[in-house]
Amino acid sequence: MRTENVQDNSQININYNQSSMKKFLSLFIVIILTVSSIIAQVPERFTYQAVVRNANNSLVVNAQVSVRVNILQGSATGNAIYS
C-alpha cells in the first residue's frame, strides 16, 4: 500500500510538470507572435532612384523633373487605387 502512495505522488508531479510546461509554451508562443507583429510593420516611406531620359534617349541632368505615380489594381489598365 505504501508503494501505491509513492506512485500516486509521482503521477501528480508528472501531471503538474506537464501542465506547467503547457502554460509556459503557450505564453512563449504568444510573446513571439506579439513581438513579430510589432517588428513586421510597413515602413512609412521608401526611397527610389531613377534615370531620366528625354525623347532622344539622352540623360536629363541638372534639371527639375516631375513624376506622377499611379498604383493600379489588377493589371496595367486597372483602376487607380493610389495617385
C-alpha atoms as a PDB file:
ATOM      1  CA  MET A   1       0.000   0.000   0.000  1.00  0.00           C
ATOM      2  CA  ARG A   2       2.884   2.306   0.630  1.00  0.00           C
ATOM      3  CA  THR A   3       4.209   1.864  -2.910  1.00  0.00           C
ATOM      4  CA  GLU A   4       0.794   2.889  -4.289  1.00  0.00           C
ATOM      5  CA  ASN A   5       1.057   6.223  -2.459  1.00  0.00           C
ATOM      6  CA  VAL A   6       4.510   6.831  -3.937  1.00  0.00           C
ATOM      7  CA  GLN A   7       3.210   6.094  -7.432  1.00  0.00           C
ATOM      8  CA  ASP A   8       0.234   8.407  -6.924  1.00  0.00           C
ATOM      9  CA  ASN A   9       2.518  11.240  -5.789  1.00  0.00           C
ATOM     10  CA  SER A  10       4.838  10.779  -8.769  1.00  0.00           C
ATOM     11  CA  GLN A  11       1.852  10.802 -11.120  1.00  0.00           C
ATOM     12  CA  ILE A  12       0.678  14.092  -9.588  1.00  0.00           C
ATOM     13  CA  ASN A  13       4.157  15.597 -10.058  1.00  0.00           C
ATOM     14  CA  ILE A  14       4.305  14.496 -13.690  1.00  0.00           C
ATOM     15  CA  ASN A  15       0.861  15.933 -14.407  1.00  0.00           C
ATOM     16  CA  TYR A  16       1.802  19.200 -12.670  1.00  0.00           C
ATOM     17  CA  ASN A  17       5.030  19.462 -14.692  1.00  0.00           C
ATOM     18  CA  GLN A  18       3.188  18.839 -17.957  1.00  0.00           C
ATOM     19  CA  SER A  19       0.614  21.477 -17.079  1.00  0.00           C
ATOM     20  CA  SER A  20       3.339  23.986 -16.218  1.00  0.00           C
ATOM     21  CA  MET A  21       5.156  23.248 -19.474  1.00  0.00           C
ATOM     22  CA  LYS A  22       1.966  23.752 -21.498  1.00  0.00           C
ATOM     23  CA  LYS A  23       1.364  27.117 -19.802  1.00  0.00           C
ATOM     24  CA  PHE A  24       4.954  28.185 -20.381  1.00  0.00           C
ATOM     25  CA  LEU A  25       4.880  27.106 -24.026  1.00  0.00           C
ATOM     26  CA  SER A  26       1.584  28.924 -24.615  1.00  0.00           C
ATOM     27  CA  LEU A  27       2.942  32.116 -23.055  1.00  0.00           C
ATOM     28  CA  PHE A  28       6.165  31.829 -25.062  1.00  0.00           C
ATOM     29  CA  ILE A  29       4.238  31.476 -28.337  1.00  0.00           C
ATOM     30  CA  VAL A  30       2.050  34.491 -27.516  1.00  0.00           C
ATOM     31  CA  ILE A  31       5.136  36.605 -26.764  1.00  0.00           C
ATOM     32  CA  ILE A  32       6.873  35.533 -30.002  1.00  0.00           C
ATOM     33  CA  LEU A  33       3.784  36.314 -32.093  1.00  0.00           C
ATOM     34  CA  THR A  34       3.369  39.709 -30.419  1.00  0.00           C
ATOM     35  CA  VAL A  35       6.989  40.684 -30.961  1.00  0.00           C
ATOM     36  CA  SER A  36       6.964  39.513 -34.582  1.00  0.00           C
ATOM     37  CA  SER A  37       3.814  41.508 -35.339  1.00  0.00           C
ATOM     38  CA  ILE A  38       5.396  44.645 -33.867  1.00  0.00           C
ATOM     39  CA  ILE A  39       8.559  44.199 -35.934  1.00  0.00           C
ATOM     40  CA  ALA A  40       6.709  43.402 -39.177  1.00  0.00           C
ATOM     41  CA  GLN A  41       5.146  46.829 -39.651  1.00  0.00           C
ATOM     42  CA  VAL A  42       5.007  48.607 -43.014  1.00  0.00           C
ATOM     43  CA  PRO A  43       7.669  51.304 -43.397  1.00  0.00           C
ATOM     44  CA  GLU A  44       6.499  54.913 -43.551  1.00  0.00           C
ATOM     45  CA  ARG A  45       8.387  55.614 -46.759  1.00  0.00           C
ATOM     46  CA  PHE A  46      10.704  54.075 -49.282  1.00  0.00           C
ATOM     47  CA  THR A  47      13.490  55.565 -51.344  1.00  0.00           C
ATOM     48  CA  TYR A  48      13.596  55.262 -55.094  1.00  0.00           C
ATOM     49  CA  GLN A  49      16.250  56.173 -57.602  1.00  0.00           C
ATOM     50  CA  ALA A  50      15.628  56.561 -61.329  1.00  0.00           C
ATOM     51  CA  VAL A  51      17.322  57.668 -64.523  1.00  0.00           C
ATOM     52  CA  VAL A  52      15.506  60.294 -66.612  1.00  0.00           C
ATOM     53  CA  ARG A  53      15.972  60.388 -70.381  1.00  0.00           C
ATOM     54  CA  ASN A  54      14.489  62.690 -72.998  1.00  0.00           C
ATOM     55  CA  ALA A  55      12.902  61.756 -76.352  1.00  0.00           C
ATOM     56  CA  ASN A  56      16.381  61.371 -77.937  1.00  0.00           C
ATOM     57  CA  ASN A  57      17.369  58.860 -75.222  1.00  0.00           C
ATOM     58  CA  SER A  58      19.883  61.319 -73.736  1.00  0.00           C
ATOM     59  CA  LEU A  59      20.232  61.686 -69.972  1.00  0.00           C
ATOM     60  CA  VAL A  60      18.490  64.663 -68.415  1.00  0.00           C
ATOM     61  CA  VAL A  61      20.977  66.182 -65.957  1.00  0.00           C
ATOM     62  CA  ASN A  62      20.715  69.169 -63.625  1.00  0.00           C
ATOM     63  CA  ALA A  63      17.059  69.746 -64.463  1.00  0.00           C
ATOM     64  CA  GLN A  64      13.895  69.633 -62.430  1.00  0.00           C
ATOM     65  CA  VAL A  65      11.506  66.869 -63.397  1.00  0.00           C
ATOM     66  CA  SER A  66       8.040  65.955 -62.196  1.00  0.00           C
ATOM     67  CA  VAL A  67       6.949  62.416 -61.546  1.00  0.00           C
ATOM     68  CA  ARG A  68       3.409  61.122 -61.360  1.00  0.00           C
ATOM     69  CA  VAL A  69       2.851  57.734 -59.717  1.00  0.00           C
ATOM     70  CA  ASN A  70      -0.302  55.652 -60.011  1.00  0.00           C
ATOM     71  CA  ILE A  71      -0.814  52.299 -58.324  1.00  0.00           C
ATOM     72  CA  LEU A  72      -3.190  50.273 -60.435  1.00  0.00           C
ATOM     73  CA  GLN A  73      -5.298  47.371 -59.255  1.00  0.00           C
ATOM     74  CA  GLY A  74      -5.063  44.015 -61.004  1.00  0.00           C
ATOM     75  CA  SER A  75      -3.347  44.917 -64.278  1.00  0.00           C
ATOM     76  CA  ALA A  76      -1.630  47.719 -66.185  1.00  0.00           C
ATOM     77  CA  THR A  77      -5.042  49.017 -67.282  1.00  0.00           C
ATOM     78  CA  GLY A  78      -6.779  48.518 -63.915  1.00  0.00           C
ATOM     79  CA  ASN A  79      -8.376  51.148 -61.706  1.00  0.00           C
ATOM     80  CA  ALA A  80      -6.037  53.588 -59.972  1.00  0.00           C
ATOM     81  CA  ILE A  81      -6.156  52.833 -56.252  1.00  0.00           C
ATOM     82  CA  TYR A  82      -3.489  55.441 -55.437  1.00  0.00           C
ATOM     83  CA  SER A  83      -2.478  58.535 -57.392  1.00  0.00           C
END
